[in-house]
Amino acid sequence: MARQVLLFVYLLSLNSVRGQVSYSIPEEMPKGSLVGNIAQDLGLDLKRLKSGKARIYTGDSAEYIELNKERGLLLIKERIDREALCGQTMPCALHFQIILENPMEFIYF
């Protein structure tokens, strides 16, 4: 049975939560696999992703997810090994942020 990795998304603006999304994905999905459509799920305009210079910040060196700003998609950048990421911890969760500039916004995963 494939184990799941949870991705949590929070869109924050001026210290208030504008939306929340979480995705559950099987571990070890191939590179380039679709995680979700963040633009659609959070109601973000694709122009805002581009003009806001959207980027993902993980807080550490591991970058498992990438953002396709042209289409608003989250994609697997690097295979996720659940045991390496979380050990025996249940549930296994991967948290990261999408940062938008002008005006500054943070989307927490």
N, C-alpha and C. Protein backbone atom coordinates (compact mmCIF):
# COMPACT_ATOMS: atom_id res chain seq x y z
N MET A 1 0.84 -1.18 0.00
CA MET A 1 0.00 0.00 0.00
C MET A 1 0.89 1.24 0.00
N ALA A 2 0.61 2.17 -0.90
CA ALA A 2 1.39 3.40 -0.99
C ALA A 2 1.05 4.32 0.17
N ARG A 3 2.08 4.86 0.77
CA ARG A 3 1.86 5.83 1.84
C ARG A 3 1.66 7.20 1.23
N GLN A 4 1.04 8.05 1.99
CA GLN A 4 0.69 9.38 1.51
C GLN A 4 1.56 10.44 2.18
N VAL A 5 1.82 11.50 1.45
CA VAL A 5 2.46 12.69 1.97
C VAL A 5 1.45 13.82 1.84
N LEU A 6 1.23 14.55 2.91
CA LEU A 6 0.27 15.65 2.89
C LEU A 6 0.99 16.96 2.63
N LEU A 7 0.42 17.79 1.78
CA LEU A 7 0.93 19.12 1.53
C LEU A 7 -0.13 20.10 2.00
N PHE A 8 0.27 21.05 2.82
CA PHE A 8 -0.67 22.01 3.37
C PHE A 8 -0.42 23.39 2.77
N VAL A 9 -1.48 24.09 2.41
CA VAL A 9 -1.39 25.39 1.78
C VAL A 9 -2.23 26.40 2.54
N TYR A 10 -1.64 27.52 2.89
CA TYR A 10 -2.36 28.63 3.50
C TYR A 10 -1.98 29.89 2.74
N LEU A 11 -2.95 30.65 2.31
CA LEU A 11 -2.69 31.92 1.65
C LEU A 11 -2.87 33.02 2.68
N LEU A 12 -1.79 33.70 3.01
CA LEU A 12 -1.83 34.75 4.02
C LEU A 12 -1.59 36.10 3.38
N SER A 13 -2.33 37.08 3.82
CA SER A 13 -2.14 38.45 3.36
C SER A 13 -2.42 39.37 4.53
N LEU A 14 -1.45 40.19 4.88
CA LEU A 14 -1.59 41.13 6.00
C LEU A 14 -2.03 40.41 7.27
N ASN A 15 -1.37 39.30 7.57
CA ASN A 15 -1.58 38.53 8.80
C ASN A 15 -2.96 37.89 8.91
N SER A 16 -3.69 37.78 7.82
CA SER A 16 -4.98 37.08 7.88
C SER A 16 -4.99 35.97 6.83
N VAL A 17 -5.63 34.88 7.15
CA VAL A 17 -5.70 33.75 6.24
C VAL A 17 -6.79 34.00 5.20
N ARG A 18 -6.41 33.97 3.92
CA ARG A 18 -7.38 34.17 2.84
C ARG A 18 -7.90 32.84 2.31
N GLY A 19 -7.19 31.77 2.53
CA GLY A 19 -7.63 30.48 2.03
C GLY A 19 -6.72 29.38 2.54
N GLN A 20 -7.16 28.16 2.40
CA GLN A 20 -6.38 27.02 2.86
C GLN A 20 -6.63 25.85 1.94
N VAL A 21 -5.55 25.17 1.56
CA VAL A 21 -5.66 23.99 0.70
C VAL A 21 -4.66 22.96 1.19
N SER A 22 -5.03 21.70 1.15
CA SER A 22 -4.07 20.63 1.41
C SER A 22 -4.22 19.59 0.31
N TYR A 23 -3.10 19.00 -0.03
CA TYR A 23 -3.08 17.95 -1.04
C TYR A 23 -2.50 16.69 -0.41
N SER A 24 -3.02 15.55 -0.77
CA SER A 24 -2.48 14.27 -0.35
C SER A 24 -1.98 13.56 -1.59
N ILE A 25 -0.70 13.19 -1.56
CA ILE A 25 -0.10 12.56 -2.73
C ILE A 25 0.61 11.28 -2.32
N PRO A 26 0.69 10.29 -3.21
CA PRO A 26 1.45 9.09 -2.89
C PRO A 26 2.94 9.40 -2.91
N GLU A 27 3.69 8.71 -2.06
CA GLU A 27 5.14 8.93 -2.05
C GLU A 27 5.76 8.42 -3.35
N GLU A 28 6.92 8.94 -3.63
CA GLU A 28 7.74 8.54 -4.78
C GLU A 28 7.04 8.73 -6.12
N MET A 29 6.23 9.78 -6.24
CA MET A 29 5.67 10.14 -7.55
C MET A 29 6.82 10.59 -8.44
N PRO A 30 6.75 10.30 -9.74
CA PRO A 30 7.84 10.70 -10.65
C PRO A 30 7.95 12.22 -10.78
N LYS A 31 9.15 12.69 -11.10
CA LYS A 31 9.37 14.11 -11.36
C LYS A 31 8.41 14.59 -12.43
N GLY A 32 7.89 15.79 -12.25
CA GLY A 32 6.96 16.37 -13.22
C GLY A 32 5.51 16.02 -12.98
N SER A 33 5.22 15.13 -12.03
CA SER A 33 3.83 14.74 -11.74
C SER A 33 3.07 15.92 -11.15
N LEU A 34 1.79 16.00 -11.49
CA LEU A 34 0.93 17.07 -11.01
C LEU A 34 0.52 16.83 -9.56
N VAL A 35 0.73 17.85 -8.72
CA VAL A 35 0.27 17.82 -7.33
C VAL A 35 -1.10 18.48 -7.25
N GLY A 36 -1.22 19.67 -7.85
CA GLY A 36 -2.49 20.38 -7.83
C GLY A 36 -2.40 21.69 -8.58
N ASN A 37 -3.55 22.28 -8.83
CA ASN A 37 -3.62 23.56 -9.51
C ASN A 37 -3.84 24.63 -8.44
N ILE A 38 -2.75 25.22 -7.98
CA ILE A 38 -2.81 26.17 -6.88
C ILE A 38 -3.56 27.44 -7.27
N ALA A 39 -3.44 27.86 -8.52
CA ALA A 39 -4.15 29.06 -8.98
C ALA A 39 -5.66 28.84 -8.88
N GLN A 40 -6.13 27.73 -9.37
CA GLN A 40 -7.56 27.43 -9.33
C GLN A 40 -8.03 27.17 -7.90
N ASP A 41 -7.28 26.38 -7.15
CA ASP A 41 -7.72 25.98 -5.81
C ASP A 41 -7.76 27.14 -4.82
N LEU A 42 -6.90 28.16 -5.01
CA LEU A 42 -6.89 29.31 -4.12
C LEU A 42 -7.47 30.57 -4.76
N GLY A 43 -7.96 30.44 -5.99
CA GLY A 43 -8.54 31.58 -6.67
C GLY A 43 -7.52 32.66 -7.03
N LEU A 44 -6.30 32.24 -7.35
CA LEU A 44 -5.25 33.19 -7.72
C LEU A 44 -5.26 33.44 -9.22
N ASP A 45 -5.09 34.67 -9.61
CA ASP A 45 -4.99 35.05 -11.01
C ASP A 45 -3.60 34.67 -11.52
N LEU A 46 -3.53 34.03 -12.68
CA LEU A 46 -2.23 33.65 -13.25
C LEU A 46 -1.34 34.88 -13.46
N LYS A 47 -1.94 36.00 -13.81
CA LYS A 47 -1.15 37.23 -13.98
C LYS A 47 -0.50 37.63 -12.66
N ARG A 48 -1.20 37.39 -11.55
CA ARG A 48 -0.65 37.72 -10.22
C ARG A 48 0.55 36.84 -9.90
N LEU A 49 0.49 35.57 -10.28
CA LEU A 49 1.63 34.68 -10.05
C LEU A 49 2.86 35.16 -10.80
N LYS A 50 2.65 35.62 -12.03
CA LYS A 50 3.77 36.10 -12.85
C LYS A 50 4.27 37.46 -12.38
N SER A 51 3.36 38.42 -12.23
CA SER A 51 3.77 39.77 -11.86
C SER A 51 4.28 39.84 -10.42
N GLY A 52 3.80 38.95 -9.57
CA GLY A 52 4.22 38.92 -8.17
C GLY A 52 5.51 38.16 -7.96
N LYS A 53 6.12 37.71 -9.05
CA LYS A 53 7.39 36.96 -8.96
C LYS A 53 7.26 35.80 -7.98
N ALA A 54 6.21 35.02 -8.13
CA ALA A 54 5.93 33.90 -7.22
C ALA A 54 7.11 32.94 -7.17
N ARG A 55 7.44 32.52 -5.96
CA ARG A 55 8.51 31.53 -5.78
C ARG A 55 8.21 30.70 -4.54
N ILE A 56 8.77 29.50 -4.52
CA ILE A 56 8.58 28.59 -3.40
C ILE A 56 9.76 28.72 -2.45
N TYR A 57 9.46 28.75 -1.16
CA TYR A 57 10.48 28.79 -0.12
C TYR A 57 10.21 27.64 0.84
N THR A 58 11.22 26.79 1.05
CA THR A 58 11.02 25.61 1.89
C THR A 58 11.62 25.76 3.28
N GLY A 59 12.56 26.67 3.47
CA GLY A 59 13.19 26.82 4.77
C GLY A 59 14.39 25.92 4.95
N ASP A 60 14.55 24.94 4.08
CA ASP A 60 15.74 24.09 4.11
C ASP A 60 16.18 23.82 2.67
N SER A 61 17.13 22.95 2.50
CA SER A 61 17.70 22.73 1.17
C SER A 61 16.87 21.81 0.28
N ALA A 62 15.97 21.04 0.86
CA ALA A 62 15.18 20.08 0.07
C ALA A 62 14.04 20.79 -0.65
N GLU A 63 14.02 20.70 -1.95
CA GLU A 63 12.95 21.30 -2.74
C GLU A 63 12.24 20.19 -3.50
N TYR A 64 11.14 19.74 -2.95
CA TYR A 64 10.39 18.63 -3.54
C TYR A 64 9.33 19.09 -4.54
N ILE A 65 8.90 20.33 -4.42
CA ILE A 65 7.79 20.85 -5.22
C ILE A 65 8.26 22.06 -6.01
N GLU A 66 7.76 22.20 -7.25
CA GLU A 66 8.04 23.40 -8.03
C GLU A 66 6.73 24.00 -8.51
N LEU A 67 6.77 25.29 -8.79
CA LEU A 67 5.60 26.03 -9.24
C LEU A 67 5.75 26.40 -10.70
N ASN A 68 4.79 25.99 -11.50
CA ASN A 68 4.72 26.43 -12.90
C ASN A 68 3.85 27.68 -12.90
N LYS A 69 4.50 28.85 -12.98
CA LYS A 69 3.79 30.14 -12.89
C LYS A 69 2.91 30.40 -14.10
N GLU A 70 3.26 29.83 -15.24
CA GLU A 70 2.48 30.05 -16.46
C GLU A 70 1.09 29.44 -16.35
N ARG A 71 0.99 28.30 -15.65
CA ARG A 71 -0.28 27.58 -15.55
C ARG A 71 -0.83 27.48 -14.13
N GLY A 72 -0.05 27.93 -13.13
CA GLY A 72 -0.50 27.89 -11.74
C GLY A 72 -0.49 26.50 -11.14
N LEU A 73 0.41 25.65 -11.63
CA LEU A 73 0.45 24.25 -11.19
C LEU A 73 1.59 23.98 -10.22
N LEU A 74 1.33 23.12 -9.25
CA LEU A 74 2.38 22.58 -8.39
C LEU A 74 2.77 21.22 -8.94
N LEU A 75 4.07 21.03 -9.14
CA LEU A 75 4.59 19.80 -9.73
C LEU A 75 5.67 19.19 -8.84
N ILE A 76 5.85 17.88 -8.96
CA ILE A 76 6.92 17.20 -8.23
C ILE A 76 8.25 17.59 -8.88
N LYS A 77 9.15 18.16 -8.07
CA LYS A 77 10.48 18.55 -8.56
C LYS A 77 11.50 17.45 -8.27
N GLU A 78 11.32 16.79 -7.14
CA GLU A 78 12.23 15.73 -6.71
C GLU A 78 11.40 14.64 -6.05
N ARG A 79 11.72 13.40 -6.32
CA ARG A 79 10.98 12.29 -5.70
C ARG A 79 10.94 12.43 -4.19
N ILE A 80 9.78 12.18 -3.62
CA ILE A 80 9.59 12.31 -2.17
C ILE A 80 9.64 10.92 -1.55
N ASP A 81 10.65 10.70 -0.72
CA ASP A 81 10.78 9.45 0.03
C ASP A 81 10.19 9.70 1.41
N ARG A 82 9.02 9.16 1.66
CA ARG A 82 8.31 9.42 2.89
C ARG A 82 9.14 9.07 4.13
N GLU A 83 9.81 7.94 4.12
CA GLU A 83 10.61 7.52 5.27
C GLU A 83 11.76 8.49 5.53
N ALA A 84 12.41 8.97 4.47
CA ALA A 84 13.50 9.92 4.63
C ALA A 84 12.98 11.27 5.13
N LEU A 85 11.79 11.64 4.70
CA LEU A 85 11.22 12.93 5.08
C LEU A 85 10.67 12.91 6.50
N CYS A 86 9.95 11.85 6.87
CA CYS A 86 9.21 11.84 8.14
C CYS A 86 9.54 10.67 9.07
N GLY A 87 10.31 9.71 8.61
CA GLY A 87 10.54 8.53 9.44
C GLY A 87 9.24 7.79 9.68
N GLN A 88 8.94 7.48 10.94
CA GLN A 88 7.71 6.78 11.30
C GLN A 88 6.57 7.72 11.71
N THR A 89 6.80 9.02 11.63
CA THR A 89 5.79 10.00 12.02
C THR A 89 4.55 9.89 11.14
N MET A 90 3.38 9.89 11.77
CA MET A 90 2.11 9.85 11.05
C MET A 90 1.26 11.01 11.49
N PRO A 91 0.60 11.74 10.67
CA PRO A 91 0.80 11.70 9.22
C PRO A 91 2.08 12.42 8.84
N CYS A 92 2.57 12.11 7.67
CA CYS A 92 3.76 12.77 7.14
C CYS A 92 3.30 14.04 6.42
N ALA A 93 3.86 15.16 6.77
CA ALA A 93 3.45 16.43 6.17
C ALA A 93 4.66 17.22 5.69
N LEU A 94 4.53 17.81 4.54
CA LEU A 94 5.56 18.66 3.95
C LEU A 94 5.01 20.08 3.92
N HIS A 95 5.69 21.00 4.57
CA HIS A 95 5.24 22.38 4.64
C HIS A 95 6.19 23.27 3.86
N PHE A 96 5.64 24.22 3.11
CA PHE A 96 6.46 25.21 2.42
C PHE A 96 5.60 26.42 2.12
N GLN A 97 6.22 27.45 1.58
CA GLN A 97 5.53 28.70 1.32
C GLN A 97 5.68 29.09 -0.14
N ILE A 98 4.68 29.77 -0.66
CA ILE A 98 4.82 30.48 -1.92
C ILE A 98 4.81 31.95 -1.56
N ILE A 99 5.83 32.66 -2.01
CA ILE A 99 5.96 34.08 -1.71
C ILE A 99 5.64 34.88 -2.96
N LEU A 100 4.78 35.88 -2.80
CA LEU A 100 4.43 36.81 -3.88
C LEU A 100 4.87 38.21 -3.45
N GLU A 101 5.44 38.97 -4.38
CA GLU A 101 5.85 40.35 -4.10
C GLU A 101 4.87 41.32 -4.73
N ASN A 102 4.92 42.56 -4.30
CA ASN A 102 4.19 43.70 -4.91
C ASN A 102 2.69 43.49 -5.04
N PRO A 103 1.85 43.49 -4.04
CA PRO A 103 2.19 43.55 -2.63
C PRO A 103 2.62 42.18 -2.11
N MET A 104 3.33 42.18 -1.01
CA MET A 104 3.88 40.96 -0.44
C MET A 104 2.75 40.08 0.10
N GLU A 105 2.75 38.80 -0.29
CA GLU A 105 1.82 37.80 0.22
C GLU A 105 2.59 36.51 0.44
N PHE A 106 2.15 35.71 1.39
CA PHE A 106 2.75 34.40 1.66
C PHE A 106 1.67 33.35 1.55
N ILE A 107 1.98 32.25 0.89
CA ILE A 107 1.09 31.10 0.82
C ILE A 107 1.84 29.96 1.50
N TYR A 108 1.32 29.48 2.62
CA TYR A 108 1.99 28.44 3.40
C TYR A 108 1.46 27.07 3.04
N PHE A 109 2.38 26.12 2.83
CA PHE A 109 2.03 24.73 2.56
C PHE A 109 2.46 23.90 3.72
